[in-house]
Amino acid sequence: MMGVYEALPRNTKIRELERALDYIGSMVELRVDGDNYLGLYETLDAELESLKNVDKTREKIRQRLARNTMPLAA
């Protein structure tokens, strides 16, 4: 069974992770017990980076394909 997070489209995951990081970041900075939330912040930040790395990889592929104009066999 797929969880709610897994069912979200990738761009929605990115948007929601960024919102969560803003919220948790403010908790870390403003609350007396803010250090308790550092681990959660790091976990969500790593997830966001992994989602964004997909874009970076795809852009590298596009750039490589643009440089190599060799036609691919069908």
Foldseek 3Di string as FASTA:
>chain_A
DDDPLRPDPLVVLLVVLVVVLVVLVCQLVPPPVSVVCPVVNVVSVVVNVVSVVVVVVVVVVVVVCVVDVDDDDD
